[in-house]
Protein backbone atom coordinates (compact mmCIF):
# COMPACT_ATOMS: atom_id res chain seq x y z
CA MET A 1 -152.23 264.45 -29.50
CA ASP A 2 -150.45 262.91 -26.52
CA ASN A 3 -148.38 266.05 -25.97
CA ILE A 4 -151.35 268.46 -25.83
CA ALA A 5 -151.62 270.24 -22.48
CA GLY A 6 -154.22 268.69 -20.23
CA THR A 7 -153.95 265.18 -21.71
CA LYS A 8 -152.05 262.19 -20.36
CA SER A 9 -149.97 259.92 -22.49
CA SER A 10 -150.48 256.17 -22.51
CA LEU A 11 -147.07 255.78 -20.83
CA ASN A 12 -148.23 257.97 -17.94
CA TRP A 13 -151.29 255.79 -17.45
CA ALA A 14 -149.11 252.66 -17.55
CA VAL A 15 -146.85 254.08 -14.84
CA GLN A 16 -149.80 254.93 -12.61
CA ILE A 17 -151.41 251.50 -13.07
CA SER A 18 -148.10 249.76 -12.36
CA THR A 19 -147.60 251.86 -9.23
CA LEU A 20 -151.10 251.03 -8.03
CA ALA A 21 -150.50 247.32 -8.66
CA LEU A 22 -147.25 247.39 -6.67
CA VAL A 23 -148.96 249.22 -3.79
CA LEU A 24 -151.73 246.61 -3.69
CA LEU A 25 -149.22 243.75 -3.81
CA TRP A 26 -147.49 245.16 -0.73
CA LEU A 27 -150.76 246.13 0.97
CA PHE A 28 -152.54 242.77 0.81
CA PRO A 29 -150.02 240.79 2.93
CA THR A 30 -149.94 243.58 5.53
CA VAL A 31 -153.73 243.70 5.80
CA GLY A 32 -153.78 239.89 5.92
CA LEU A 33 -151.35 239.82 8.85
CA PHE A 34 -153.33 242.52 10.66
CA VAL A 35 -156.65 240.69 10.31
CA SER A 36 -155.14 237.27 11.10
CA SER A 37 -153.53 238.63 14.25
CA PHE A 38 -157.03 239.07 15.74
CA ARG A 39 -158.45 235.71 14.62
CA THR A 40 -158.58 232.45 16.54
CA ALA A 41 -156.55 229.39 15.61
CA ASP A 42 -159.61 227.51 14.37
CA GLN A 43 -160.66 230.33 12.05
CA ILE A 44 -157.17 230.77 10.63
CA SER A 45 -156.88 227.05 9.89
CA SER A 46 -160.31 226.85 8.27
CA SER A 47 -160.62 230.01 6.16
CA GLY A 48 -158.64 232.89 4.69
CA TRP A 49 -158.38 236.34 6.25
CA TRP A 50 -160.48 237.86 3.45
CA SER A 51 -163.52 235.94 4.76
CA ALA A 52 -163.03 237.06 8.37
CA LEU A 53 -166.16 239.23 8.36
CA GLY A 54 -168.41 236.44 7.08
CA THR A 55 -169.84 233.33 8.67
CA GLN A 56 -167.11 230.75 9.20
CA THR A 57 -167.68 227.10 8.25
CA SER A 58 -164.99 224.76 9.49
CA GLN A 59 -164.31 221.11 10.21
CA ASN A 60 -163.19 221.09 13.82
CA PRO A 61 -160.63 218.75 15.38
CA ALA A 62 -161.95 215.66 17.13
CA ILE A 63 -163.38 216.25 20.60
CA ARG A 64 -163.50 213.35 23.05
CA ILE A 65 -166.68 213.48 25.09
CA GLU A 66 -166.54 213.61 28.85
CA GLY A 67 -168.82 214.25 31.79
CA GLU A 68 -170.49 212.83 34.84
CA GLU A 69 -172.26 209.54 34.27
CA PHE A 70 -175.80 209.10 35.58
CA VAL A 71 -178.44 206.38 35.33
CA ASP A 72 -181.62 206.90 33.29
CA GLY A 73 -183.78 203.77 33.54
CA ASP A 74 -181.72 200.87 32.22
CA LEU A 75 -179.15 203.14 30.54
CA PHE A 76 -175.98 204.82 31.70
CA VAL A 77 -175.95 208.35 30.27
CA ILE A 78 -173.32 211.06 29.80
CA GLU A 79 -174.39 214.50 28.60
CA GLY A 80 -172.36 217.57 27.79
CA GLN A 81 -171.52 220.38 25.41
CA LEU A 82 -168.87 220.23 22.67
CA PHE A 83 -168.34 224.00 22.39
CA THR A 84 -168.04 226.87 24.82
CA ASN A 85 -169.28 229.32 22.18
CA ALA A 86 -173.08 229.30 22.17
CA ASP A 87 -173.22 230.85 18.67
CA ILE A 88 -171.70 227.81 16.96
CA GLU A 89 -174.13 225.69 14.92
CA VAL A 90 -173.32 222.12 13.92
CA SER A 91 -174.17 221.26 10.32
CA ALA A 92 -172.73 217.71 10.26
CA TRP A 93 -170.93 215.36 12.62
CA GLY A 94 -169.40 211.91 12.84
CA THR A 95 -167.59 209.52 15.14
CA SER A 96 -164.80 208.48 12.76
CA SER A 97 -162.09 210.40 10.93
CA ARG A 98 -163.02 208.41 7.83
CA ALA A 99 -166.59 209.76 7.92
CA PRO A 100 -166.55 213.07 9.85
CA GLN A 101 -169.82 214.19 8.21
CA ALA A 102 -171.78 210.95 8.42
CA PHE A 103 -174.65 212.39 10.45
CA VAL A 104 -176.71 215.54 10.70
CA PRO A 105 -177.76 217.14 14.01
CA GLY A 106 -180.36 215.00 15.77
CA ASP A 107 -179.26 211.70 14.25
CA VAL A 108 -178.42 208.82 16.59
CA ALA A 109 -175.15 207.02 15.87
CA GLU A 110 -174.99 203.34 16.81
CA LEU A 111 -171.65 202.43 18.37
CA SER A 112 -170.16 199.12 19.46
CA ARG A 113 -171.23 197.37 22.69
CA ASP A 114 -174.82 198.70 22.55
CA ARG A 115 -173.73 202.33 22.86
CA THR A 116 -175.28 205.33 21.11
CA ILE A 117 -174.53 209.01 20.78
CA THR A 118 -176.44 211.94 19.36
CA VAL A 119 -175.42 215.57 18.79
CA ASP A 120 -177.84 218.47 18.31
CA VAL A 121 -177.39 221.63 16.29
CA GLY A 122 -176.03 223.57 19.28
CA GLY A 123 -173.27 221.03 20.00
CA ALA A 124 -174.97 219.35 22.98
CA TYR A 125 -174.45 215.58 23.02
CA ARG A 126 -176.09 212.61 24.75
CA PHE A 127 -174.17 209.37 25.10
CA THR A 128 -175.89 206.16 26.29
CA ALA A 129 -174.65 202.70 27.14
CA THR A 130 -176.17 199.54 28.64
CA GLU A 131 -173.35 199.22 31.16
CA SER A 132 -171.24 201.67 33.14
CA GLN A 133 -168.42 203.42 31.26
CA GLU A 134 -166.33 204.19 34.32
CA GLY A 135 -162.69 203.86 33.33
CA GLN A 136 -163.63 203.23 29.69
CA ARG A 137 -162.35 205.21 26.72
CA LEU A 138 -165.22 207.36 25.48
CA PRO A 139 -165.75 208.05 21.76
CA ARG A 140 -164.60 211.09 19.84
CA VAL A 141 -166.87 213.42 17.87
CA PHE A 142 -165.91 215.16 14.63
CA THR A 143 -168.00 218.20 13.76
CA THR A 144 -168.50 220.56 10.85
CA ALA A 145 -169.88 223.79 12.23
CA THR A 146 -170.66 227.37 11.30
CA ALA A 147 -169.81 230.30 13.55
CA PRO A 148 -170.16 234.09 13.33
CA PRO A 149 -167.04 236.23 12.90
CA GLU A 150 -164.89 236.16 16.01
CA PHE A 151 -161.99 238.43 16.90
CA THR A 152 -159.84 238.26 19.99
CA LEU A 153 -157.02 240.08 21.74
CA ASP A 154 -155.73 236.87 23.30
CA ASN A 155 -153.05 236.58 20.61
CA TYR A 156 -151.56 239.93 21.61
CA ARG A 157 -151.78 239.05 25.29
CA THR A 158 -149.90 235.83 24.61
CA VAL A 159 -147.25 237.54 22.52
CA LEU A 160 -146.72 240.74 24.52
CA VAL A 161 -147.48 239.89 28.14
CA SER A 162 -147.08 236.12 28.31
CA GLY A 163 -145.07 234.81 31.21
CA ASN A 164 -143.42 232.34 28.87
CA ALA A 165 -140.04 233.74 27.78
CA THR A 166 -140.29 231.86 24.49
CA ASP A 167 -143.54 233.60 23.52
CA ASN A 168 -142.99 237.03 25.10
CA LEU A 169 -142.07 239.59 22.47
CA ALA A 170 -142.33 242.59 24.80
CA LYS A 171 -138.72 242.36 26.00
CA ALA A 172 -137.49 241.61 22.48
CA PHE A 173 -139.45 244.66 21.27
CA PHE A 174 -137.64 247.01 23.67
CA ASN A 175 -134.31 245.31 22.94
CA THR A 176 -134.86 246.01 19.25
CA LEU A 177 -135.63 249.66 19.98
CA THR A 178 -132.47 249.84 22.09
CA VAL A 179 -130.47 248.60 19.11
CA THR A 180 -132.25 250.47 16.32
CA ILE A 181 -132.52 254.04 17.63
CA PRO A 182 -128.80 254.59 18.42
CA ALA A 183 -127.79 252.58 15.33
CA THR A 184 -129.80 255.04 13.24
CA ILE A 185 -128.76 258.29 14.94
CA ILE A 186 -125.01 257.61 15.26
CA PRO A 187 -124.24 257.00 11.55
CA ILE A 188 -126.37 260.00 10.52
CA LEU A 189 -124.42 262.32 12.84
CA ILE A 190 -121.03 261.07 11.67
CA ALA A 191 -122.02 260.90 7.99
CA ALA A 192 -123.43 264.44 7.99
CA PHE A 193 -120.13 265.92 9.19
CA ALA A 194 -118.12 263.74 6.80
CA ALA A 195 -120.37 264.54 3.83
CA TYR A 196 -120.06 268.28 4.42
CA ALA A 197 -116.29 268.03 4.61
CA LEU A 198 -116.09 266.00 1.39
CA ALA A 199 -118.50 268.32 -0.41
CA TRP A 200 -117.47 271.85 0.63
CA MET A 201 -114.08 271.78 2.37
CA ASP A 202 -110.78 271.74 0.48
CA PHE A 203 -108.07 269.52 1.94
CA PRO A 204 -105.46 267.11 0.53
CA GLY A 205 -106.72 263.64 -0.32
CA ARG A 206 -110.41 264.57 -0.53
CA ALA A 207 -110.90 262.87 -3.90
CA LEU A 208 -109.15 259.75 -2.59
CA LEU A 209 -111.46 259.62 0.42
CA VAL A 210 -114.51 259.88 -1.84
CA ALA A 211 -113.16 256.97 -3.90
CA VAL A 212 -112.62 254.93 -0.71
CA VAL A 213 -116.22 255.59 0.38
CA VAL A 214 -117.51 254.44 -3.00
CA ALA A 215 -115.31 251.34 -2.83
CA LEU A 216 -116.66 250.44 0.63
CA LEU A 217 -120.17 250.33 -0.81
CA VAL A 218 -119.38 247.06 -2.58
CA VAL A 219 -117.74 245.32 0.38
CA PRO A 220 -119.99 242.37 1.40
CA LEU A 221 -121.24 242.66 4.94
CA GLN A 222 -120.56 238.96 5.57
CA LEU A 223 -116.88 239.47 4.71
CA ALA A 224 -116.34 241.82 7.65
CA LEU A 225 -118.35 240.04 10.36
CA ILE A 226 -115.68 237.74 11.82
CA PRO A 227 -112.74 240.23 11.64
CA LEU A 228 -114.92 242.91 13.21
CA LEU A 229 -116.06 240.56 15.97
CA LYS A 230 -112.44 239.66 16.76
CA PHE A 231 -111.60 243.36 16.90
CA HIS A 232 -114.51 243.98 19.27
CA ASN A 233 -113.32 241.19 21.55
CA GLU A 234 -109.78 242.57 21.55
CA ILE A 235 -110.85 246.07 22.59
CA GLY A 236 -113.23 244.71 25.23
CA ILE A 237 -116.72 245.50 23.93
CA GLY A 238 -117.44 241.91 22.85
CA LYS A 239 -121.08 240.97 22.36
CA GLY A 240 -123.33 243.74 23.61
CA TYR A 241 -125.22 246.85 22.65
CA ILE A 242 -122.08 248.93 22.10
CA GLY A 243 -120.69 246.31 19.75
CA VAL A 244 -123.87 246.06 17.67
CA TRP A 245 -124.18 249.87 17.53
CA MET A 246 -120.64 250.16 16.21
CA ALA A 247 -121.24 247.36 13.72
CA HIS A 248 -124.39 248.95 12.30
CA THR A 249 -122.65 252.33 12.23
CA GLY A 250 -119.70 250.93 10.30
CA PHE A 251 -121.87 249.07 7.80
CA GLY A 252 -124.19 252.04 7.29
CA LEU A 253 -121.63 254.85 7.02
CA PRO A 254 -120.46 254.32 3.41
CA LEU A 255 -123.98 254.59 1.99
CA ALA A 256 -124.86 257.49 4.31
CA ILE A 257 -121.75 259.49 3.39
CA TYR A 258 -122.20 258.76 -0.31
CA LEU A 259 -125.88 259.83 -0.38
CA LEU A 260 -125.44 262.92 1.78
CA ARG A 261 -122.28 264.07 0.02
CA ASN A 262 -123.96 263.83 -3.40
CA TYR A 263 -126.96 265.77 -2.06
CA MET A 264 -124.86 268.49 -0.44
CA VAL A 265 -122.76 268.99 -3.56
CA GLY A 266 -125.94 269.94 -5.42
CA LEU A 267 -126.90 272.68 -2.96
CA PRO A 268 -126.63 276.30 -4.21
CA ARG A 269 -123.03 277.46 -3.94
CA ASP A 270 -124.04 281.13 -3.70
CA ILE A 271 -125.67 280.60 -0.30
CA ILE A 272 -122.52 279.10 1.18
CA GLU A 273 -120.22 281.68 -0.36
CA ASN A 274 -122.41 284.52 0.92
CA ALA A 275 -122.32 283.00 4.39
CA ARG A 276 -118.53 282.85 4.28
CA VAL A 277 -118.37 286.46 3.14
CA ASP A 278 -120.53 287.38 6.15
CA GLY A 279 -117.95 285.72 8.40
CA ALA A 280 -119.69 282.39 9.12
CA THR A 281 -117.42 279.51 10.09
CA ASP A 282 -117.69 276.05 8.54
CA PHE A 283 -119.46 274.77 11.65
CA GLN A 284 -122.01 277.60 11.50
CA ILE A 285 -122.57 277.01 7.80
CA PHE A 286 -123.03 273.30 8.47
CA VAL A 287 -125.48 273.74 11.34
CA LYS A 288 -127.51 276.73 10.13
CA ILE A 289 -127.52 276.20 6.35
CA ILE A 290 -126.44 272.74 5.25
CA LEU A 291 -128.41 270.67 7.78
CA PRO A 292 -131.79 272.41 7.15
CA LEU A 293 -131.34 272.17 3.39
CA SER A 294 -130.23 268.53 3.65
CA PHE A 295 -133.10 267.41 5.85
CA PRO A 296 -134.84 265.46 3.02
CA ALA A 297 -131.67 263.45 2.42
CA LEU A 298 -131.18 262.90 6.15
CA ALA A 299 -134.78 261.71 6.50
CA SER A 300 -134.42 259.37 3.53
CA PHE A 301 -131.33 257.70 4.94
CA ALA A 302 -132.91 257.56 8.41
CA ILE A 303 -135.82 255.59 6.98
CA PHE A 304 -133.57 253.10 5.19
CA GLN A 305 -131.19 252.71 8.14
CA PHE A 306 -134.05 252.24 10.61
CA LEU A 307 -135.77 249.62 8.45
CA TRP A 308 -132.52 247.76 7.81
CA THR A 309 -131.52 247.76 11.48
CA TRP A 310 -135.00 246.85 12.73
CA ASN A 311 -135.27 243.88 10.37
CA ASP A 312 -131.67 242.73 10.84
CA LEU A 313 -130.96 239.23 12.07
CA LEU A 314 -127.41 238.44 10.92
CA VAL A 315 -125.62 241.31 12.67
CA ALA A 316 -127.64 240.73 15.85
CA LEU A 317 -126.73 237.04 15.87
CA VAL A 318 -123.02 237.82 15.55
CA PHE A 319 -122.63 240.89 17.77
CA LEU A 320 -125.48 240.78 20.27
CA ILE A 321 -127.07 237.43 21.16
CA ASP A 322 -125.84 236.01 24.48
CA ALA A 323 -126.45 232.71 26.24
CA THR A 324 -129.11 234.11 28.59
CA GLY A 325 -131.23 235.67 25.84
CA GLU A 326 -131.54 238.98 27.73
CA THR A 327 -130.62 240.96 24.61
CA THR A 328 -132.63 238.94 22.09
CA VAL A 329 -134.14 241.10 19.33
CA MET A 330 -137.48 240.55 17.63
CA THR A 331 -136.14 238.88 14.51
CA LYS A 332 -134.41 236.25 16.63
CA GLN A 333 -137.48 235.85 18.84
CA ILE A 334 -139.70 235.22 15.80
CA VAL A 335 -137.25 232.60 14.52
CA GLU A 336 -137.56 230.85 17.88
CA LEU A 337 -141.35 231.04 17.65
CA LEU A 338 -141.21 229.35 14.25
CA GLY A 339 -139.44 226.46 15.90
CA THR A 340 -141.52 226.20 19.07
CA ARG A 341 -144.93 227.43 17.88
CA GLY A 342 -144.78 226.54 14.18
CA GLY A 343 -148.34 225.19 14.23
CA ASN A 344 -149.83 228.21 16.00
CA TRP A 345 -150.47 230.45 13.02
CA GLU A 346 -152.35 233.00 15.13
CA ILE A 347 -149.26 233.51 17.31
CA LEU A 348 -146.96 233.79 14.30
CA ALA A 349 -149.28 236.24 12.52
CA THR A 350 -149.49 238.43 15.60
CA SER A 351 -145.73 238.34 16.13
CA ALA A 352 -145.09 239.24 12.50
CA PHE A 353 -147.50 242.17 12.60
CA VAL A 354 -145.99 243.49 15.85
CA SER A 355 -142.61 243.29 14.13
CA ILE A 356 -143.67 245.30 11.06
CA ALA A 357 -145.91 247.80 12.86
CA VAL A 358 -143.10 250.09 14.04
CA PRO A 359 -141.31 250.26 10.64
CA LEU A 360 -144.65 251.12 9.01
CA VAL A 361 -145.28 253.93 11.49
CA VAL A 362 -141.75 255.29 11.02
CA PHE A 363 -141.96 255.11 7.25
CA PHE A 364 -145.28 256.95 6.94
CA ALA A 365 -144.36 259.48 9.63
CA MET A 366 -141.09 260.38 7.89
CA GLN A 367 -142.57 260.61 4.40
CA LYS A 368 -143.65 264.21 4.83
CA TYR A 369 -140.08 265.24 5.69
CA LEU A 370 -138.85 264.10 2.29
CA VAL A 371 -140.40 267.19 0.74
CA ARG A 372 -140.70 269.52 3.72
CA GLY A 373 -137.50 271.43 4.45
CA LEU A 374 -136.16 271.15 0.90
CA LEU A 375 -135.35 274.87 0.86
CA ALA A 376 -135.85 275.56 4.57
CA GLY A 377 -133.52 278.34 5.72
CA SER A 378 -132.32 279.27 2.24
CA VAL A 379 -134.55 282.30 1.91
CA LYS A 380 -135.98 284.82 4.34
């Protein structure tokens, strides 16, 4: 019964469920980074991103009270507010890290040296003492409070327009674009010409060249880094954009030529032969017939090359990074943030989402070209 038209086999259902599970596994971390990038540090440290739309209950770090002292009868009094957010409500508080929830709002805590402190539900406190506290160390207050959902753009301001070079990803963002766009276009242009020659042009040694391309696919990238860097230094390009473009082009060409050549070989031979009979040159055939028909393969490789180059760290460290940091790419900048801002999860989440946003846009924008243009130009 599984083969009857209009029914789906159990294997088909298993494939669809597995695909859906994989999509969700990739989607959840991305959504989590996106939501976390708009949350405050306190909310990230106290609750997961999935509860961002609900009321947040968190145990806040200790706050040392401060304020102007004034005299009220026989007492010296200091009053103030623990929070700047008026929507926060205190559910419990304490004066010691060992008992951070010892009191409820309105309770009066007895401290040493005839001192007292009380905290209300809105976070307002009143501290009293029998003698002046000028120059004295005032107590700390630990609070457990609830707050409505809060989202902020401060994380993006810090990351993208901060004056601190360590935090500013804006320059690293444009540096990465400067590396990625040429490093994607150059190998595609070279590989397209090479793939056409290996697929449709007869010349001595063609089979040997195809074998060399296949052999280069298994050469480890790490094996060629130091020799290639020495070669760059010898010819004068050293560490810079030209060097990293050439490096990405060299490492990406074998796969590009292999994929495009295999795709072009499968194109209809009759179309090319008819074009030659009509007097078209190889260049005309390549530009007017082969390229339109090969657009899905070109788009596929462009996606992979862009993602690989955008997320690259190793090649950038070897061929690009200089002492001044003027050419630092995003992957290197995020590594530096992990070292300098490792405790600021809101900054790291925002930086990570900024880093993956462009590859996501490129991937979804290029998806339609994988099918479109499959037979473009082959028929009238």
